[in-house]
Amino acid sequence: MLDTLAKEFSHEAPVALEVLLVRLIGAALLCGLIGLERELSNNSAGLRTNMLIGLAAAVFTLVGLQVMHEFGNQPDTVRSIPSASSRRSPPASHFSPQASSSRCVVM
């Protein structure tokens, strides 16, 4: 049972552990500098908030890198889905001849 568990969790990471830790600590420190500057000037979203945002962004990026490394070699694994709003046509009322030419319609 332990061998099965060890095989399940043993895999090759796309980034070495040392590089991973440097990236995470670097993101927290650099965003902490931004947060410190904001905190010293009495703005909202200070030190803790900016450190957490930077750390979350770094983790999100590294998880994406890991997913691409694990599943990227399989066909049709990673796709980009166009947004639904780009396929939708505007309502017909925007093209009515009764509409004034001075009106601007923002979609």
PDB file of N, CA and C in Angstrom:
ATOM      1  N   MET A   1       0.813  -1.189   0.000  1.00  0.00           N
ATOM      2  CA  MET A   1       0.000   0.000   0.000  1.00  0.00           C
ATOM      3  C   MET A   1       0.863   1.262   0.000  1.00  0.00           C
ATOM      4  N   LEU A   2       1.938   1.267   0.750  1.00  0.00           N
ATOM      5  CA  LEU A   2       2.814   2.428   0.784  1.00  0.00           C
ATOM      6  C   LEU A   2       3.502   2.654  -0.560  1.00  0.00           C
ATOM      7  N   ASP A   3       3.800   1.551  -1.262  1.00  0.00           N
ATOM      8  CA  ASP A   3       4.420   1.690  -2.588  1.00  0.00           C
ATOM      9  C   ASP A   3       3.464   2.349  -3.570  1.00  0.00           C
ATOM     10  N   THR A   4       2.205   1.985  -3.513  1.00  0.00           N
ATOM     11  CA  THR A   4       1.198   2.589  -4.382  1.00  0.00           C
ATOM     12  C   THR A   4       1.050   4.068  -4.077  1.00  0.00           C
ATOM     13  N   LEU A   5       1.043   4.399  -2.810  1.00  0.00           N
ATOM     14  CA  LEU A   5       0.930   5.801  -2.406  1.00  0.00           C
ATOM     15  C   LEU A   5       2.160   6.594  -2.837  1.00  0.00           C
ATOM     16  N   ALA A   6       3.327   5.998  -2.725  1.00  0.00           N
ATOM     17  CA  ALA A   6       4.563   6.672  -3.131  1.00  0.00           C
ATOM     18  C   ALA A   6       4.582   6.900  -4.636  1.00  0.00           C
ATOM     19  N   LYS A   7       4.094   5.935  -5.420  1.00  0.00           N
ATOM     20  CA  LYS A   7       4.039   6.100  -6.875  1.00  0.00           C
ATOM     21  C   LYS A   7       3.052   7.186  -7.276  1.00  0.00           C
ATOM     22  N   GLU A   8       1.977   7.282  -6.526  1.00  0.00           N
ATOM     23  CA  GLU A   8       0.941   8.275  -6.830  1.00  0.00           C
ATOM     24  C   GLU A   8       1.464   9.702  -6.674  1.00  0.00           C
ATOM     25  N   PHE A   9       2.290   9.925  -5.671  1.00  0.00           N
ATOM     26  CA  PHE A   9       2.767  11.270  -5.390  1.00  0.00           C
ATOM     27  C   PHE A   9       4.172  11.552  -5.902  1.00  0.00           C
ATOM     28  N   SER A  10       4.788  10.608  -6.562  1.00  0.00           N
ATOM     29  CA  SER A  10       6.127  10.863  -7.109  1.00  0.00           C
ATOM     30  C   SER A  10       5.984  11.220  -8.581  1.00  0.00           C
ATOM     31  N   HIS A  11       6.402  12.401  -8.920  1.00  0.00           N
ATOM     32  CA  HIS A  11       6.373  12.864 -10.304  1.00  0.00           C
ATOM     33  C   HIS A  11       7.467  13.895 -10.485  1.00  0.00           C
ATOM     34  N   GLU A  12       7.763  14.163 -11.716  1.00  0.00           N
ATOM     35  CA  GLU A  12       8.797  15.151 -12.023  1.00  0.00           C
ATOM     36  C   GLU A  12       8.156  16.527 -12.113  1.00  0.00           C
ATOM     37  N   ALA A  13       8.653  17.419 -11.318  1.00  0.00           N
ATOM     38  CA  ALA A  13       8.127  18.789 -11.321  1.00  0.00           C
ATOM     39  C   ALA A  13       8.821  19.586 -12.427  1.00  0.00           C
ATOM     40  N   PRO A  14       8.095  20.518 -13.070  1.00  0.00           N
ATOM     41  CA  PRO A  14       8.722  21.327 -14.116  1.00  0.00           C
ATOM     42  C   PRO A  14       9.736  22.321 -13.563  1.00  0.00           C
ATOM     43  N   VAL A  15       9.641  22.620 -12.279  1.00  0.00           N
ATOM     44  CA  VAL A  15      10.544  23.578 -11.636  1.00  0.00           C
ATOM     45  C   VAL A  15      11.125  22.921 -10.393  1.00  0.00           C
ATOM     46  N   ALA A  16      12.422  23.117 -10.168  1.00  0.00           N
ATOM     47  CA  ALA A  16      13.048  22.570  -8.971  1.00  0.00           C
ATOM     48  C   ALA A  16      12.455  23.223  -7.728  1.00  0.00           C
ATOM     49  N   LEU A  17      12.496  22.518  -6.627  1.00  0.00           N
ATOM     50  CA  LEU A  17      11.911  23.011  -5.389  1.00  0.00           C
ATOM     51  C   LEU A  17      12.558  24.316  -4.934  1.00  0.00           C
ATOM     52  N   GLU A  18      13.862  24.420  -5.119  1.00  0.00           N
ATOM     53  CA  GLU A  18      14.559  25.645  -4.724  1.00  0.00           C
ATOM     54  C   GLU A  18      14.081  26.845  -5.536  1.00  0.00           C
ATOM     55  N   VAL A  19      13.902  26.640  -6.838  1.00  0.00           N
ATOM     56  CA  VAL A  19      13.433  27.711  -7.713  1.00  0.00           C
ATOM     57  C   VAL A  19      11.996  28.083  -7.352  1.00  0.00           C
ATOM     58  N   LEU A  20      11.193  27.089  -7.043  1.00  0.00           N
ATOM     59  CA  LEU A  20       9.806  27.321  -6.644  1.00  0.00           C
ATOM     60  C   LEU A  20       9.738  28.183  -5.384  1.00  0.00           C
ATOM     61  N   LEU A  21      10.544  27.845  -4.388  1.00  0.00           N
ATOM     62  CA  LEU A  21      10.550  28.617  -3.148  1.00  0.00           C
ATOM     63  C   LEU A  21      11.068  30.032  -3.361  1.00  0.00           C
ATOM     64  N   VAL A  22      12.081  30.193  -4.201  1.00  0.00           N
ATOM     65  CA  VAL A  22      12.610  31.532  -4.491  1.00  0.00           C
ATOM     66  C   VAL A  22      11.541  32.380  -5.185  1.00  0.00           C
ATOM     67  N   ARG A  23      10.807  31.779  -6.100  1.00  0.00           N
ATOM     68  CA  ARG A  23       9.742  32.521  -6.783  1.00  0.00           C
ATOM     69  C   ARG A  23       8.643  32.951  -5.819  1.00  0.00           C
ATOM     70  N   LEU A  24       8.238  32.049  -4.945  1.00  0.00           N
ATOM     71  CA  LEU A  24       7.171  32.381  -3.998  1.00  0.00           C
ATOM     72  C   LEU A  24       7.620  33.428  -2.981  1.00  0.00           C
ATOM     73  N   ILE A  25       8.808  33.254  -2.439  1.00  0.00           N
ATOM     74  CA  ILE A  25       9.322  34.228  -1.472  1.00  0.00           C
ATOM     75  C   ILE A  25       9.576  35.569  -2.151  1.00  0.00           C
ATOM     76  N   GLY A  26      10.103  35.536  -3.381  1.00  0.00           N
ATOM     77  CA  GLY A  26      10.335  36.781  -4.122  1.00  0.00           C
ATOM     78  C   GLY A  26       9.048  37.527  -4.410  1.00  0.00           C
ATOM     79  N   ALA A  27       8.005  36.799  -4.773  1.00  0.00           N
ATOM     80  CA  ALA A  27       6.712  37.443  -5.034  1.00  0.00           C
ATOM     81  C   ALA A  27       6.161  38.075  -3.764  1.00  0.00           C
ATOM     82  N   ALA A  28       6.279  37.356  -2.644  1.00  0.00           N
ATOM     83  CA  ALA A  28       5.776  37.895  -1.377  1.00  0.00           C
ATOM     84  C   ALA A  28       6.574  39.129  -0.950  1.00  0.00           C
ATOM     85  N   LEU A  29       7.889  39.095  -1.111  1.00  0.00           N
ATOM     86  CA  LEU A  29       8.718  40.234  -0.710  1.00  0.00           C
ATOM     87  C   LEU A  29       8.497  41.459  -1.601  1.00  0.00           C
ATOM     88  N   LEU A  30       8.481  41.239  -2.914  1.00  0.00           N
ATOM     89  CA  LEU A  30       8.303  42.388  -3.814  1.00  0.00           C
ATOM     90  C   LEU A  30       6.918  43.016  -3.663  1.00  0.00           C
ATOM     91  N   CYS A  31       5.903  42.187  -3.514  1.00  0.00           N
ATOM     92  CA  CYS A  31       4.562  42.749  -3.293  1.00  0.00           C
ATOM     93  C   CYS A  31       4.455  43.338  -1.894  1.00  0.00           C
ATOM     94  N   GLY A  32       5.247  42.810  -0.964  1.00  0.00           N
ATOM     95  CA  GLY A  32       5.291  43.395   0.367  1.00  0.00           C
ATOM     96  C   GLY A  32       5.875  44.797   0.346  1.00  0.00           C
ATOM     97  N   LEU A  33       6.843  45.038  -0.534  1.00  0.00           N
ATOM     98  CA  LEU A  33       7.388  46.390  -0.673  1.00  0.00           C
ATOM     99  C   LEU A  33       6.332  47.369  -1.176  1.00  0.00           C
ATOM    100  N   ILE A  34       5.533  46.916  -2.119  1.00  0.00           N
ATOM    101  CA  ILE A  34       4.438  47.764  -2.604  1.00  0.00           C
ATOM    102  C   ILE A  34       3.453  48.026  -1.469  1.00  0.00           C
ATOM    103  N   GLY A  35       3.138  46.988  -0.719  1.00  0.00           N
ATOM    104  CA  GLY A  35       2.211  47.133   0.399  1.00  0.00           C
ATOM    105  C   GLY A  35       2.758  48.024   1.494  1.00  0.00           C
ATOM    106  N   LEU A  36       4.066  47.946   1.741  1.00  0.00           N
ATOM    107  CA  LEU A  36       4.682  48.800   2.750  1.00  0.00           C
ATOM    108  C   LEU A  36       4.596  50.268   2.327  1.00  0.00           C
ATOM    109  N   GLU A  37       4.848  50.525   1.068  1.00  0.00           N
ATOM    110  CA  GLU A  37       4.744  51.897   0.567  1.00  0.00           C
ATOM    111  C   GLU A  37       3.323  52.414   0.717  1.00  0.00           C
ATOM    112  N   ARG A  38       2.355  51.582   0.429  1.00  0.00           N
ATOM    113  CA  ARG A  38       0.949  51.986   0.553  1.00  0.00           C
ATOM    114  C   ARG A  38       0.570  52.196   2.021  1.00  0.00           C
ATOM    115  N   GLU A  39       1.111  51.335   2.885  1.00  0.00           N
ATOM    116  CA  GLU A  39       0.786  51.461   4.298  1.00  0.00           C
ATOM    117  C   GLU A  39       1.401  52.729   4.905  1.00  0.00           C
ATOM    118  N   LEU A  40       2.604  53.057   4.467  1.00  0.00           N
ATOM    119  CA  LEU A  40       3.253  54.267   4.980  1.00  0.00           C
ATOM    120  C   LEU A  40       2.547  55.539   4.523  1.00  0.00           C
ATOM    121  N   SER A  41       1.898  55.477   3.360  1.00  0.00           N
ATOM    122  CA  SER A  41       1.155  56.649   2.884  1.00  0.00           C
ATOM    123  C   SER A  41      -0.322  56.575   3.266  1.00  0.00           C
ATOM    124  N   ASN A  42      -0.654  55.694   4.203  1.00  0.00           N
ATOM    125  CA  ASN A  42      -2.017  55.534   4.744  1.00  0.00           C
ATOM    126  C   ASN A  42      -3.074  55.251   3.678  1.00  0.00           C
ATOM    127  N   ASN A  43      -2.732  54.431   2.715  1.00  0.00           N
ATOM    128  CA  ASN A  43      -3.701  53.980   1.715  1.00  0.00           C
ATOM    129  C   ASN A  43      -4.257  52.616   2.130  1.00  0.00           C
ATOM    130  N   SER A  44      -5.389  52.286   1.563  1.00  0.00           N
ATOM    131  CA  SER A  44      -5.947  50.961   1.844  1.00  0.00           C
ATOM    132  C   SER A  44      -5.139  49.901   1.098  1.00  0.00           C
ATOM    133  N   ALA A  45      -5.405  48.648   1.382  1.00  0.00           N
ATOM    134  CA  ALA A  45      -4.683  47.508   0.803  1.00  0.00           C
ATOM    135  C   ALA A  45      -3.201  47.646   1.097  1.00  0.00           C
ATOM    136  N   GLY A  46      -2.845  47.406   2.350  1.00  0.00           N
ATOM    137  CA  GLY A  46      -1.474  47.604   2.799  1.00  0.00           C
ATOM    138  C   GLY A  46      -0.593  46.390   2.634  1.00  0.00           C
ATOM    139  N   LEU A  47       0.264  46.190   3.602  1.00  0.00           N
ATOM    140  CA  LEU A  47       1.329  45.189   3.541  1.00  0.00           C
ATOM    141  C   LEU A  47       0.788  43.767   3.405  1.00  0.00           C
ATOM    142  N   ARG A  48      -0.066  43.363   4.328  1.00  0.00           N
ATOM    143  CA  ARG A  48      -0.586  41.985   4.302  1.00  0.00           C
ATOM    144  C   ARG A  48      -1.355  41.690   3.038  1.00  0.00           C
ATOM    145  N   THR A  49      -2.204  42.619   2.641  1.00  0.00           N
ATOM    146  CA  THR A  49      -3.049  42.398   1.466  1.00  0.00           C
ATOM    147  C   THR A  49      -2.204  42.223   0.215  1.00  0.00           C
ATOM    148  N   ASN A  50      -1.232  43.088   0.015  1.00  0.00           N
ATOM    149  CA  ASN A  50      -0.402  42.990  -1.176  1.00  0.00           C
ATOM    150  C   ASN A  50       0.482  41.754  -1.165  1.00  0.00           C
ATOM    151  N   MET A  51       0.957  41.359   0.000  1.00  0.00           N
ATOM    152  CA  MET A  51       1.749  40.129   0.071  1.00  0.00           C
ATOM    153  C   MET A  51       0.897  38.916  -0.296  1.00  0.00           C
ATOM    154  N   LEU A  52      -0.335  38.882   0.208  1.00  0.00           N
ATOM    155  CA  LEU A  52      -1.212  37.749  -0.115  1.00  0.00           C
ATOM    156  C   LEU A  52      -1.603  37.736  -1.588  1.00  0.00           C
ATOM    157  N   ILE A  53      -1.833  38.904  -2.149  1.00  0.00           N
ATOM    158  CA  ILE A  53      -2.180  38.965  -3.575  1.00  0.00           C
ATOM    159  C   ILE A  53      -1.010  38.485  -4.426  1.00  0.00           C
ATOM    160  N   GLY A  54       0.190  38.927  -4.108  1.00  0.00           N
ATOM    161  CA  GLY A  54       1.372  38.489  -4.859  1.00  0.00           C
ATOM    162  C   GLY A  54       1.623  37.007  -4.723  1.00  0.00           C
ATOM    163  N   LEU A  55       1.457  36.496  -3.514  1.00  0.00           N
ATOM    164  CA  LEU A  55       1.654  35.064  -3.281  1.00  0.00           C
ATOM    165  C   LEU A  55       0.605  34.239  -4.023  1.00  0.00           C
ATOM    166  N   ALA A  56      -0.641  34.691  -4.005  1.00  0.00           N
ATOM    167  CA  ALA A  56      -1.709  33.975  -4.719  1.00  0.00           C
ATOM    168  C   ALA A  56      -1.467  33.995  -6.227  1.00  0.00           C
ATOM    169  N   ALA A  57      -1.015  35.114  -6.754  1.00  0.00           N
ATOM    170  CA  ALA A  57      -0.737  35.190  -8.195  1.00  0.00           C
ATOM    171  C   ALA A  57       0.406  34.260  -8.576  1.00  0.00           C
ATOM    172  N   ALA A  58       1.445  34.194  -7.741  1.00  0.00           N
ATOM    173  CA  ALA A  58       2.571  33.306  -8.018  1.00  0.00           C
ATOM    174  C   ALA A  58       2.146  31.840  -7.952  1.00  0.00           C
ATOM    175  N   VAL A  59       1.340  31.490  -6.964  1.00  0.00           N
ATOM    176  CA  VAL A  59       0.857  30.102  -6.847  1.00  0.00           C
ATOM    177  C   VAL A  59      -0.021  29.753  -8.039  1.00  0.00           C
ATOM    178  N   PHE A  60      -0.899  30.666  -8.440  1.00  0.00           N
ATOM    179  CA  PHE A  60      -1.769  30.424  -9.588  1.00  0.00           C
ATOM    180  C   PHE A  60      -0.937  30.173 -10.849  1.00  0.00           C
ATOM    181  N   THR A  61       0.112  30.948 -11.042  1.00  0.00           N
ATOM    182  CA  THR A  61       0.981  30.776 -12.206  1.00  0.00           C
ATOM    183  C   THR A  61       1.730  29.454 -12.141  1.00  0.00           C
ATOM    184  N   LEU A  62       2.238  29.113 -10.971  1.00  0.00           N
ATOM    185  CA  LEU A  62       2.990  27.864 -10.845  1.00  0.00           C
ATOM    186  C   LEU A  62       2.097  26.637 -10.980  1.00  0.00           C
ATOM    187  N   VAL A  63       0.866  26.728 -10.526  1.00  0.00           N
ATOM    188  CA  VAL A  63      -0.081  25.614 -10.717  1.00  0.00           C
ATOM    189  C   VAL A  63      -0.383  25.445 -12.206  1.00  0.00           C
ATOM    190  N   GLY A  64      -0.564  26.539 -12.915  1.00  0.00           N
ATOM    191  CA  GLY A  64      -0.771  26.463 -14.366  1.00  0.00           C
ATOM    192  C   GLY A  64       0.410  25.846 -15.075  1.00  0.00           C
ATOM    193  N   LEU A  65       1.614  26.180 -14.643  1.00  0.00           N
ATOM    194  CA  LEU A  65       2.825  25.586 -15.213  1.00  0.00           C
ATOM    195  C   LEU A  65       2.863  24.086 -14.962  1.00  0.00           C
ATOM    196  N   GLN A  66       2.482  23.676 -13.755  1.00  0.00           N
ATOM    197  CA  GLN A  66       2.451  22.252 -13.421  1.00  0.00           C
ATOM    198  C   GLN A  66       1.411  21.507 -14.255  1.00  0.00           C
ATOM    199  N   VAL A  67       0.243  22.097 -14.434  1.00  0.00           N
ATOM    200  CA  VAL A  67      -0.816  21.464 -15.243  1.00  0.00           C
ATOM    201  C   VAL A  67      -0.358  21.313 -16.687  1.00  0.00           C
ATOM    202  N   MET A  68       0.270  22.345 -17.223  1.00  0.00           N
ATOM    203  CA  MET A  68       0.768  22.254 -18.602  1.00  0.00           C
ATOM    204  C   MET A  68       1.845  21.178 -18.716  1.00  0.00           C
ATOM    205  N   HIS A  69       2.679  21.047 -17.684  1.00  0.00           N
ATOM    206  CA  HIS A  69       3.727  20.028 -17.708  1.00  0.00           C
ATOM    207  C   HIS A  69       3.135  18.624 -17.625  1.00  0.00           C
ATOM    208  N   GLU A  70       2.125  18.448 -16.790  1.00  0.00           N
ATOM    209  CA  GLU A  70       1.532  17.123 -16.597  1.00  0.00           C
ATOM    210  C   GLU A  70       0.667  16.688 -17.776  1.00  0.00           C
ATOM    211  N   PHE A  71      -0.167  17.606 -18.283  1.00  0.00           N
ATOM    212  CA  PHE A  71      -1.175  17.215 -19.260  1.00  0.00           C
ATOM    213  C   PHE A  71      -0.996  17.863 -20.624  1.00  0.00           C
ATOM    214  N   GLY A  72       0.004  18.675 -20.798  1.00  0.00           N
ATOM    215  CA  GLY A  72       0.167  19.415 -22.043  1.00  0.00           C
ATOM    216  C   GLY A  72       0.561  18.573 -23.231  1.00  0.00           C
ATOM    217  N   ASN A  73       1.120  17.390 -23.012  1.00  0.00           N
ATOM    218  CA  ASN A  73       1.544  16.548 -24.129  1.00  0.00           C
ATOM    219  C   ASN A  73       0.417  15.686 -24.687  1.00  0.00           C
ATOM    220  N   GLN A  74      -0.742  15.703 -24.050  1.00  0.00           N
ATOM    221  CA  GLN A  74      -1.885  14.936 -24.537  1.00  0.00           C
ATOM    222  C   GLN A  74      -2.685  15.804 -25.509  1.00  0.00           C
ATOM    223  N   PRO A  75      -3.220  15.218 -26.563  1.00  0.00           N
ATOM    224  CA  PRO A  75      -3.968  16.027 -27.530  1.00  0.00           C
ATOM    225  C   PRO A  75      -5.263  16.573 -26.939  1.00  0.00           C
ATOM    226  N   ASP A  76      -5.592  17.785 -27.307  1.00  0.00           N
ATOM    227  CA  ASP A  76      -6.831  18.468 -26.902  1.00  0.00           C
ATOM    228  C   ASP A  76      -7.018  18.553 -25.395  1.00  0.00           C
ATOM    229  N   THR A  77      -5.936  18.715 -24.674  1.00  0.00           N
ATOM    230  CA  THR A  77      -6.050  18.830 -23.227  1.00  0.00           C
ATOM    231  C   THR A  77      -6.269  20.270 -22.805  1.00  0.00           C
ATOM    232  N   VAL A  78      -5.500  21.159 -23.385  1.00  0.00           N
ATOM    233  CA  VAL A  78      -5.579  22.564 -23.022  1.00  0.00           C
ATOM    234  C   VAL A  78      -6.145  23.323 -24.209  1.00  0.00           C
ATOM    235  N   ARG A  79      -7.272  23.981 -23.993  1.00  0.00           N
ATOM    236  CA  ARG A  79      -7.921  24.751 -25.054  1.00  0.00           C
ATOM    237  C   ARG A  79      -8.274  26.128 -24.537  1.00  0.00           C
ATOM    238  N   SER A  80      -8.340  27.031 -25.447  1.00  0.00           N
ATOM    239  CA  SER A  80      -8.833  28.352 -25.093  1.00  0.00           C
ATOM    240  C   SER A  80     -10.246  28.456 -25.633  1.00  0.00           C
ATOM    241  N   ILE A  81     -11.169  28.838 -24.788  1.00  0.00           N
ATOM    242  CA  ILE A  81     -12.572  28.937 -25.171  1.00  0.00           C
ATOM    243  C   ILE A  81     -12.888  30.403 -25.407  1.00  0.00           C
ATOM    244  N   PRO A  82     -13.361  30.746 -26.602  1.00  0.00           N
ATOM    245  CA  PRO A  82     -13.703  32.150 -26.839  1.00  0.00           C
ATOM    246  C   PRO A  82     -14.848  32.575 -25.933  1.00  0.00           C
ATOM    247  N   SER A  83     -14.848  33.827 -25.585  1.00  0.00           N
ATOM    248  CA  SER A  83     -15.893  34.296 -24.679  1.00  0.00           C
ATOM    249  C   SER A  83     -17.244  34.269 -25.367  1.00  0.00           C
ATOM    250  N   ALA A  84     -18.270  34.070 -24.579  1.00  0.00           N
ATOM    251  CA  ALA A  84     -19.623  33.976 -25.122  1.00  0.00           C
ATOM    252  C   ALA A  84     -20.078  35.312 -25.694  1.00  0.00           C
ATOM    253  N   SER A  85     -19.563  36.406 -25.162  1.00  0.00           N
ATOM    254  CA  SER A  85     -20.004  37.715 -25.647  1.00  0.00           C
ATOM    255  C   SER A  85     -19.496  38.010 -27.048  1.00  0.00           C
ATOM    256  N   SER A  86     -18.405  37.379 -27.479  1.00  0.00           N
ATOM    257  CA  SER A  86     -17.900  37.649 -28.814  1.00  0.00           C
ATOM    258  C   SER A  86     -18.721  36.941 -29.884  1.00  0.00           C
ATOM    259  N   ARG A  87     -19.473  35.889 -29.523  1.00  0.00           N
ATOM    260  CA  ARG A  87     -20.295  35.173 -30.491  1.00  0.00           C
ATOM    261  C   ARG A  87     -21.702  35.734 -30.567  1.00  0.00           C
ATOM    262  N   ARG A  88     -22.068  36.554 -29.643  1.00  0.00           N
ATOM    263  CA  ARG A  88     -23.428  37.056 -29.552  1.00  0.00           C
ATOM    264  C   ARG A  88     -23.590  38.264 -30.471  1.00  0.00           C
ATOM    265  N   SER A  89     -24.673  38.299 -31.206  1.00  0.00           N
ATOM    266  CA  SER A  89     -24.941  39.456 -32.051  1.00  0.00           C
ATOM    267  C   SER A  89     -25.732  40.483 -31.248  1.00  0.00           C
ATOM    268  N   PRO A  90     -25.539  41.754 -31.535  1.00  0.00           N
ATOM    269  CA  PRO A  90     -26.270  42.773 -30.777  1.00  0.00           C
ATOM    270  C   PRO A  90     -27.756  42.728 -31.098  1.00  0.00           C
ATOM    271  N   PRO A  91     -28.589  43.220 -30.193  1.00  0.00           N
ATOM    272  CA  PRO A  91     -30.028  43.220 -30.432  1.00  0.00           C
ATOM    273  C   PRO A  91     -30.387  44.058 -31.661  1.00  0.00           C
ATOM    274  N   ALA A  92     -31.490  43.704 -32.291  1.00  0.00           N
ATOM    275  CA  ALA A  92     -31.910  44.398 -33.506  1.00  0.00           C
ATOM    276  C   ALA A  92     -32.282  45.850 -33.237  1.00  0.00           C
ATOM    277  N   SER A  93     -32.649  46.185 -32.015  1.00  0.00           N
ATOM    278  CA  SER A  93     -33.061  47.551 -31.712  1.00  0.00           C
ATOM    279  C   SER A  93     -31.925  48.546 -31.898  1.00  0.00           C
ATOM    280  N   HIS A  94     -30.684  48.084 -31.864  1.00  0.00           N
ATOM    281  CA  HIS A  94     -29.555  48.989 -32.048  1.00  0.00           C
ATOM    282  C   HIS A  94     -29.418  49.431 -33.505  1.00  0.00           C
ATOM    283  N   PHE A  95     -30.023  48.680 -34.403  1.00  0.00           N
ATOM    284  CA  PHE A  95     -29.899  49.006 -35.820  1.00  0.00           C
ATOM    285  C   PHE A  95     -31.202  49.539 -36.408  1.00  0.00           C
ATOM    286  N   SER A  96     -32.120  49.935 -35.577  1.00  0.00           N
ATOM    287  CA  SER A  96     -33.411  50.397 -36.091  1.00  0.00           C
ATOM    288  C   SER A  96     -33.247  51.752 -36.776  1.00  0.00           C
ATOM    289  N   PRO A  97     -33.970  51.968 -37.861  1.00  0.00           N
ATOM    290  CA  PRO A  97     -33.849  53.250 -38.570  1.00  0.00           C
ATOM    291  C   PRO A  97     -34.417  54.413 -37.771  1.00  0.00           C
ATOM    292  N   GLN A  98     -35.254  54.144 -36.768  1.00  0.00           N
ATOM    293  CA  GLN A  98     -35.819  55.222 -35.975  1.00  0.00           C
ATOM    294  C   GLN A  98     -34.811  55.791 -34.979  1.00  0.00           C
ATOM    295  N   ALA A  99     -33.717  55.085 -34.744  1.00  0.00           N
ATOM    296  CA  ALA A  99     -32.742  55.545 -33.761  1.00  0.00           C
ATOM    297  C   ALA A  99     -32.071  56.814 -34.267  1.00  0.00           C
ATOM    298  N   SER A 100     -31.895  57.738 -33.385  1.00  0.00           N
ATOM    299  CA  SER A 100     -31.270  59.009 -33.732  1.00  0.00           C
ATOM    300  C   SER A 100     -29.791  58.813 -33.975  1.00  0.00           C
ATOM    301  N   SER A 101     -29.235  59.515 -34.909  1.00  0.00           N
ATOM    302  CA  SER A 101     -27.817  59.374 -35.214  1.00  0.00           C
ATOM    303  C   SER A 101     -26.949  60.010 -34.136  1.00  0.00           C
ATOM    304  N   SER A 102     -27.544  60.848 -33.269  1.00  0.00           N
ATOM    305  CA  SER A 102     -26.747  61.487 -32.229  1.00  0.00           C
ATOM    306  C   SER A 102     -26.609  60.605 -30.994  1.00  0.00           C
ATOM    307  N   ARG A 103     -27.380  59.503 -30.916  1.00  0.00           N
ATOM    308  CA  ARG A 103     -27.279  58.600 -29.778  1.00  0.00           C
ATOM    309  C   ARG A 103     -26.137  57.649 -29.955  1.00  0.00           C
ATOM    310  N   CYS A 104     -25.454  57.398 -28.887  1.00  0.00           N
ATOM    311  CA  CYS A 104     -24.351  56.439 -28.911  1.00  0.00           C
ATOM    312  C   CYS A 104     -24.745  55.241 -28.053  1.00  0.00           C
ATOM    313  N   VAL A 105     -24.661  54.060 -28.610  1.00  0.00           N
ATOM    314  CA  VAL A 105     -25.020  52.850 -27.882  1.00  0.00           C
ATOM    315  C   VAL A 105     -23.742  52.130 -27.540  1.00  0.00           C
ATOM    316  N   VAL A 106     -23.520  51.888 -26.254  1.00  0.00           N
ATOM    317  CA  VAL A 106     -22.341  51.192 -25.804  1.00  0.00           C
ATOM    318  C   VAL A 106     -22.754  49.792 -25.391  1.00  0.00           C
ATOM    319  N   MET A 107     -22.077  48.791 -25.945  1.00  0.00           N
ATOM    320  CA  MET A 107     -22.400  47.411 -25.612  1.00  0.00           C
ATOM    321  C   MET A 107     -21.327  46.839 -24.727  1.00  0.00           C
TER     322      MET A 107
END
